Amino acid sequence: MPFINKGVNQDVGYRIDLLVENKVIIEVKSIENLAPVHYAQTLTYLRLSGLKLALLINFNRKI
C-alpha cells in the first residue's frame, strides 16, 4: 500500500495481506496471542486506505 504524504510517495513498506474487492482489508496472523500493535497496524491500514472494514484473523489460537 503506498503512503503518499503531501503529494510525495513515501516508501515505508506497508503491506496489506489481502484486499478483497477494494473494500475489505484482511490481516492474517499466526501467533499465540494478538498484541495491541497488531490492532494498531490494522487501524493504520484502514486510515491510509480510506476503507471502513478490516478483519484481523489469528490462525494459531487453539480453541
N, C-alpha and C. Protein backbone atom coordinates (compact mmCIF):
# COMPACT_ATOMS: atom_id res chain seq x y z
N MET A 1 0.85 -1.17 0.00
CA MET A 1 0.00 0.00 0.00
C MET A 1 0.89 1.23 0.00
N PRO A 2 0.72 2.09 -0.96
CA PRO A 2 1.55 3.30 -0.97
C PRO A 2 1.12 4.27 0.12
N PHE A 3 2.07 4.98 0.64
CA PHE A 3 1.80 6.04 1.62
C PHE A 3 2.21 7.35 0.97
N ILE A 4 1.23 8.18 0.67
CA ILE A 4 1.50 9.44 -0.01
C ILE A 4 1.22 10.58 0.96
N ASN A 5 2.24 11.38 1.23
CA ASN A 5 2.13 12.49 2.17
C ASN A 5 2.47 13.78 1.44
N LYS A 6 1.51 14.69 1.36
CA LYS A 6 1.68 15.98 0.68
C LYS A 6 2.16 15.78 -0.76
N GLY A 7 1.60 14.78 -1.43
CA GLY A 7 1.92 14.52 -2.82
C GLY A 7 3.21 13.76 -3.06
N VAL A 8 3.92 13.41 -1.98
CA VAL A 8 5.18 12.69 -2.11
C VAL A 8 4.97 11.24 -1.70
N ASN A 9 5.32 10.31 -2.59
CA ASN A 9 5.19 8.89 -2.30
C ASN A 9 6.32 8.45 -1.36
N GLN A 10 5.95 8.02 -0.16
CA GLN A 10 6.91 7.58 0.84
C GLN A 10 7.03 6.06 0.77
N ASP A 11 8.23 5.54 0.72
CA ASP A 11 8.43 4.09 0.69
C ASP A 11 8.64 3.60 2.13
N VAL A 12 7.53 3.31 2.81
CA VAL A 12 7.60 2.90 4.22
C VAL A 12 7.29 1.42 4.41
N GLY A 13 6.92 0.72 3.36
CA GLY A 13 6.78 -0.72 3.44
C GLY A 13 5.51 -1.25 4.07
N TYR A 14 4.40 -0.52 3.98
CA TYR A 14 3.14 -1.06 4.47
C TYR A 14 2.65 -2.12 3.48
N ARG A 15 2.35 -3.30 4.00
CA ARG A 15 1.91 -4.40 3.13
C ARG A 15 0.66 -5.05 3.71
N ILE A 16 -0.44 -4.86 3.02
CA ILE A 16 -1.70 -5.49 3.40
C ILE A 16 -1.63 -6.96 2.97
N ASP A 17 -2.07 -7.86 3.84
CA ASP A 17 -2.06 -9.28 3.48
C ASP A 17 -3.03 -9.57 2.33
N LEU A 18 -4.29 -9.17 2.49
CA LEU A 18 -5.29 -9.36 1.44
C LEU A 18 -6.19 -8.14 1.34
N LEU A 19 -6.54 -7.79 0.13
CA LEU A 19 -7.51 -6.73 -0.11
C LEU A 19 -8.59 -7.33 -1.01
N VAL A 20 -9.82 -7.38 -0.51
CA VAL A 20 -10.91 -8.03 -1.22
C VAL A 20 -11.81 -6.97 -1.85
N GLU A 21 -11.91 -7.02 -3.18
CA GLU A 21 -12.81 -6.14 -3.94
C GLU A 21 -12.59 -4.65 -3.63
N ASN A 22 -11.37 -4.29 -3.25
CA ASN A 22 -11.06 -2.90 -2.85
C ASN A 22 -12.00 -2.38 -1.78
N LYS A 23 -12.49 -3.29 -0.92
CA LYS A 23 -13.44 -2.90 0.13
C LYS A 23 -13.05 -3.40 1.51
N VAL A 24 -12.42 -4.58 1.59
CA VAL A 24 -12.14 -5.21 2.88
C VAL A 24 -10.66 -5.57 2.97
N ILE A 25 -10.03 -5.09 4.04
CA ILE A 25 -8.64 -5.46 4.33
C ILE A 25 -8.66 -6.68 5.23
N ILE A 26 -7.87 -7.68 4.88
CA ILE A 26 -7.75 -8.86 5.73
C ILE A 26 -6.29 -8.98 6.15
N GLU A 27 -6.07 -8.89 7.44
CA GLU A 27 -4.73 -9.01 8.02
C GLU A 27 -4.66 -10.36 8.73
N VAL A 28 -3.74 -11.21 8.30
CA VAL A 28 -3.64 -12.58 8.79
C VAL A 28 -2.42 -12.71 9.69
N LYS A 29 -2.61 -13.33 10.85
CA LYS A 29 -1.52 -13.61 11.78
C LYS A 29 -1.55 -15.08 12.15
N SER A 30 -0.42 -15.57 12.60
CA SER A 30 -0.33 -16.92 13.15
C SER A 30 0.60 -16.85 14.35
N ILE A 31 0.07 -16.30 15.43
CA ILE A 31 0.84 -16.10 16.65
C ILE A 31 0.00 -16.56 17.84
N GLU A 32 0.66 -16.74 18.99
CA GLU A 32 -0.07 -17.27 20.14
C GLU A 32 -1.17 -16.33 20.61
N ASN A 33 -0.85 -15.05 20.73
CA ASN A 33 -1.84 -14.05 21.16
C ASN A 33 -1.64 -12.77 20.38
N LEU A 34 -2.73 -12.13 20.02
CA LEU A 34 -2.65 -10.84 19.36
C LEU A 34 -2.24 -9.79 20.39
N ALA A 35 -1.39 -8.87 19.97
CA ALA A 35 -0.93 -7.78 20.83
C ALA A 35 -1.55 -6.47 20.34
N PRO A 36 -1.53 -5.44 21.18
CA PRO A 36 -2.08 -4.15 20.75
C PRO A 36 -1.46 -3.61 19.45
N VAL A 37 -0.21 -3.94 19.20
CA VAL A 37 0.44 -3.47 17.97
C VAL A 37 -0.23 -4.05 16.73
N HIS A 38 -0.79 -5.23 16.81
CA HIS A 38 -1.48 -5.83 15.66
C HIS A 38 -2.78 -5.10 15.35
N TYR A 39 -3.49 -4.68 16.38
CA TYR A 39 -4.71 -3.90 16.18
C TYR A 39 -4.35 -2.53 15.59
N ALA A 40 -3.28 -1.93 16.12
CA ALA A 40 -2.83 -0.63 15.62
C ALA A 40 -2.42 -0.71 14.16
N GLN A 41 -1.75 -1.79 13.78
CA GLN A 41 -1.34 -1.99 12.40
C GLN A 41 -2.56 -2.04 11.49
N THR A 42 -3.57 -2.77 11.89
CA THR A 42 -4.79 -2.89 11.08
C THR A 42 -5.51 -1.54 10.98
N LEU A 43 -5.57 -0.81 12.09
CA LEU A 43 -6.19 0.51 12.05
C LEU A 43 -5.42 1.48 11.17
N THR A 44 -4.10 1.37 11.15
CA THR A 44 -3.28 2.20 10.27
C THR A 44 -3.61 1.91 8.82
N TYR A 45 -3.75 0.64 8.47
CA TYR A 45 -4.11 0.28 7.10
C TYR A 45 -5.47 0.88 6.73
N LEU A 46 -6.41 0.86 7.66
CA LEU A 46 -7.73 1.45 7.39
C LEU A 46 -7.61 2.95 7.15
N ARG A 47 -6.86 3.64 8.01
CA ARG A 47 -6.71 5.08 7.85
C ARG A 47 -6.03 5.45 6.53
N LEU A 48 -4.96 4.75 6.20
CA LEU A 48 -4.21 5.07 4.99
C LEU A 48 -4.98 4.75 3.71
N SER A 49 -5.81 3.71 3.76
CA SER A 49 -6.55 3.30 2.57
C SER A 49 -7.86 4.05 2.40
N GLY A 50 -8.39 4.59 3.50
CA GLY A 50 -9.69 5.23 3.44
C GLY A 50 -10.84 4.25 3.47
N LEU A 51 -10.52 2.97 3.69
CA LEU A 51 -11.57 1.95 3.78
C LEU A 51 -12.18 1.93 5.17
N LYS A 52 -13.30 1.23 5.32
CA LYS A 52 -14.01 1.21 6.59
C LYS A 52 -14.10 -0.17 7.23
N LEU A 53 -13.63 -1.20 6.53
CA LEU A 53 -13.80 -2.55 7.05
C LEU A 53 -12.49 -3.34 6.95
N ALA A 54 -12.13 -3.98 8.07
CA ALA A 54 -10.94 -4.84 8.09
C ALA A 54 -11.21 -6.02 9.02
N LEU A 55 -10.56 -7.13 8.71
CA LEU A 55 -10.61 -8.32 9.55
C LEU A 55 -9.19 -8.64 9.99
N LEU A 56 -9.00 -8.83 11.28
CA LEU A 56 -7.72 -9.26 11.84
C LEU A 56 -7.93 -10.68 12.31
N ILE A 57 -7.29 -11.64 11.63
CA ILE A 57 -7.54 -13.05 11.89
C ILE A 57 -6.27 -13.72 12.38
N ASN A 58 -6.37 -14.44 13.50
CA ASN A 58 -5.25 -15.17 14.06
C ASN A 58 -5.53 -16.67 13.91
N PHE A 59 -4.70 -17.36 13.14
CA PHE A 59 -4.91 -18.78 12.89
C PHE A 59 -4.18 -19.70 13.86
N ASN A 60 -3.50 -19.16 14.84
CA ASN A 60 -2.71 -20.00 15.73
C ASN A 60 -3.39 -20.24 17.08
N ARG A 61 -4.48 -19.63 17.34
CA ARG A 61 -5.16 -19.77 18.62
C ARG A 61 -5.93 -21.07 18.68
N LYS A 62 -5.64 -21.90 19.70
CA LYS A 62 -6.38 -23.16 19.87
C LYS A 62 -7.64 -22.92 20.67
N ILE A 63 -8.70 -23.60 20.27
CA ILE A 63 -9.99 -23.45 20.98
C ILE A 63 -10.26 -24.68 21.81
